[in-house]
Amino acid sequence: MSTATANPADGTCTAPAADTCCVPSPGEAILNAEEAELLALRFKALSDPNRLRILSIVSSSESAETCVCDLSEPLGLKQPTVSHHLKILVDAGILHREKRGVWAYFSVVPGALETLGASLAPKP
């Protein structure tokens, strides 16, 4: 067990051994500004209960996709509001939109949810 302690005044770390510090060094797996912006955009898109419900409906669909026409009723929302939420999820790279005639079908972008989950996991 490490007895490393951080000094908030100057950001330094005192540790019994040089390899046990409490703050990651610049070369370690930490987010850069661009990665943090993209993650923040995606998490912000998921921060709305209606968008989480949309994602739940789309991801649990037997066909792995859902028509926009099938979302208003279970959500209890009007179509323009559903479209607004869908646009946010598409812009965040979480859902994919495919237009077929007058309808749009939505599916989860492959790997999008796994990438979000992995961003929260501790780095080795």
Protein backbone atom coordinates (compact mmCIF):
# COMPACT_ATOMS: atom_id res chain seq x y z
CA MET A 1 0.00 0.00 0.00
CA SER A 2 1.41 3.38 -1.03
CA THR A 3 1.71 6.28 1.37
CA ALA A 4 1.96 8.86 -1.39
CA THR A 5 0.38 12.21 -0.61
CA ALA A 6 -0.40 15.17 -2.83
CA ASN A 7 0.42 18.73 -1.86
CA PRO A 8 -2.47 20.87 -3.18
CA ALA A 9 -0.50 24.07 -2.76
CA ASP A 10 2.07 23.27 -5.43
CA GLY A 11 0.81 20.07 -7.07
CA THR A 12 3.80 18.01 -5.99
CA CYS A 13 3.68 14.47 -4.75
CA THR A 14 5.62 12.93 -1.92
CA ALA A 15 6.05 9.20 -2.17
CA PRO A 16 8.35 6.67 -0.54
CA ALA A 17 9.53 5.46 -3.96
CA ALA A 18 9.92 7.33 -7.23
CA ASP A 19 7.55 4.99 -9.07
CA THR A 20 4.59 5.46 -6.70
CA CYS A 21 3.19 8.89 -7.32
CA CYS A 22 -0.42 9.91 -7.01
CA VAL A 23 -0.53 12.13 -10.13
CA PRO A 24 -0.07 10.62 -13.62
CA SER A 25 2.97 11.79 -15.53
CA PRO A 26 2.35 13.63 -18.83
CA GLY A 27 3.16 10.55 -20.93
CA GLU A 28 0.57 8.33 -19.26
CA ALA A 29 -2.92 7.58 -20.61
CA ILE A 30 -4.69 10.86 -19.87
CA LEU A 31 -7.15 12.65 -22.15
CA ASN A 32 -5.93 15.42 -24.39
CA ALA A 33 -8.14 18.47 -24.95
CA GLU A 34 -9.65 17.18 -28.22
CA GLU A 35 -10.53 13.79 -26.71
CA ALA A 36 -12.09 15.48 -23.68
CA GLU A 37 -14.24 17.73 -25.91
CA LEU A 38 -15.53 14.75 -27.89
CA LEU A 39 -16.30 12.76 -24.74
CA ALA A 40 -18.04 15.75 -23.15
CA LEU A 41 -20.21 16.14 -26.27
CA ARG A 42 -21.19 12.47 -26.13
CA PHE A 43 -21.88 12.43 -22.39
CA LYS A 44 -23.85 15.66 -22.67
CA ALA A 45 -25.98 14.03 -25.39
CA LEU A 46 -26.73 11.19 -22.96
CA SER A 47 -27.50 13.50 -20.05
CA ASP A 48 -31.17 13.88 -20.99
CA PRO A 49 -33.68 11.23 -19.81
CA ASN A 50 -35.56 11.27 -23.13
CA ARG A 51 -32.36 10.67 -25.09
CA LEU A 52 -31.46 7.79 -22.78
CA ARG A 53 -34.90 6.31 -23.39
CA ILE A 54 -34.46 6.74 -27.16
CA LEU A 55 -31.11 4.96 -26.97
CA SER A 56 -32.69 2.19 -24.91
CA ILE A 57 -35.50 1.72 -27.46
CA VAL A 58 -33.14 1.73 -30.45
CA SER A 59 -30.53 -0.55 -28.89
CA SER A 60 -33.10 -3.11 -27.70
CA SER A 61 -34.88 -3.32 -31.05
CA GLU A 62 -34.89 -6.83 -32.55
CA SER A 63 -33.87 -5.43 -35.93
CA ALA A 64 -31.11 -3.26 -34.38
CA GLU A 65 -32.82 -0.16 -35.79
CA THR A 66 -35.92 1.90 -35.12
CA CYS A 67 -38.04 4.10 -37.37
CA VAL A 68 -38.59 7.63 -36.12
CA CYS A 69 -42.31 6.95 -36.50
CA ASP A 70 -42.10 4.35 -33.72
CA LEU A 71 -40.60 6.65 -31.07
CA SER A 72 -43.20 9.34 -30.36
CA GLU A 73 -45.80 7.11 -28.72
CA PRO A 74 -43.59 5.24 -26.22
CA LEU A 75 -41.85 8.49 -25.25
CA GLY A 76 -45.05 10.52 -25.03
CA LEU A 77 -43.40 13.26 -27.09
CA LYS A 78 -44.39 15.02 -30.30
CA GLN A 79 -42.46 14.16 -33.46
CA PRO A 80 -40.50 17.47 -33.67
CA THR A 81 -39.23 16.96 -30.11
CA VAL A 82 -38.21 13.38 -30.87
CA SER A 83 -36.40 14.60 -34.01
CA HIS A 84 -34.54 17.19 -31.96
CA HIS A 85 -33.30 14.54 -29.52
CA LEU A 86 -32.36 12.21 -32.36
CA LYS A 87 -30.33 14.95 -34.05
CA ILE A 88 -28.33 15.48 -30.86
CA LEU A 89 -27.60 11.74 -30.59
CA VAL A 90 -26.58 11.57 -34.27
CA ASP A 91 -24.37 14.69 -33.99
CA ALA A 92 -22.65 13.14 -30.96
CA GLY A 93 -21.81 10.03 -32.97
CA ILE A 94 -23.99 7.71 -30.88
CA LEU A 95 -26.77 7.00 -33.39
CA HIS A 96 -26.64 6.54 -37.17
CA ARG A 97 -29.48 7.88 -39.36
CA GLU A 98 -30.57 6.24 -42.62
CA LYS A 99 -33.29 7.84 -44.75
CA ARG A 100 -35.69 5.46 -46.51
CA GLY A 101 -38.40 7.22 -48.47
CA VAL A 102 -40.16 9.61 -46.11
CA TRP A 103 -38.97 7.84 -42.94
CA ALA A 104 -35.64 7.88 -41.10
CA TYR A 105 -34.31 4.79 -39.36
CA PHE A 106 -31.87 4.97 -36.48
CA SER A 107 -29.32 2.47 -35.22
CA VAL A 108 -26.53 2.60 -32.66
CA VAL A 109 -23.13 3.42 -34.18
CA PRO A 110 -21.01 0.26 -33.83
CA GLY A 111 -18.58 0.62 -30.92
CA ALA A 112 -19.92 4.00 -29.77
CA LEU A 113 -21.21 2.79 -26.40
CA GLU A 114 -18.18 0.57 -25.79
CA THR A 115 -15.89 3.53 -26.43
CA LEU A 116 -17.79 5.64 -23.90
CA GLY A 117 -17.64 2.88 -21.32
CA ALA A 118 -13.93 2.32 -21.91
CA SER A 119 -13.24 6.03 -21.41
CA LEU A 120 -14.40 5.66 -17.79
CA ALA A 121 -12.45 2.49 -17.07
CA PRO A 122 -9.13 2.73 -15.22
CA LYS A 123 -6.14 2.67 -17.54
CA PRO A 124 -3.56 -0.11 -17.00
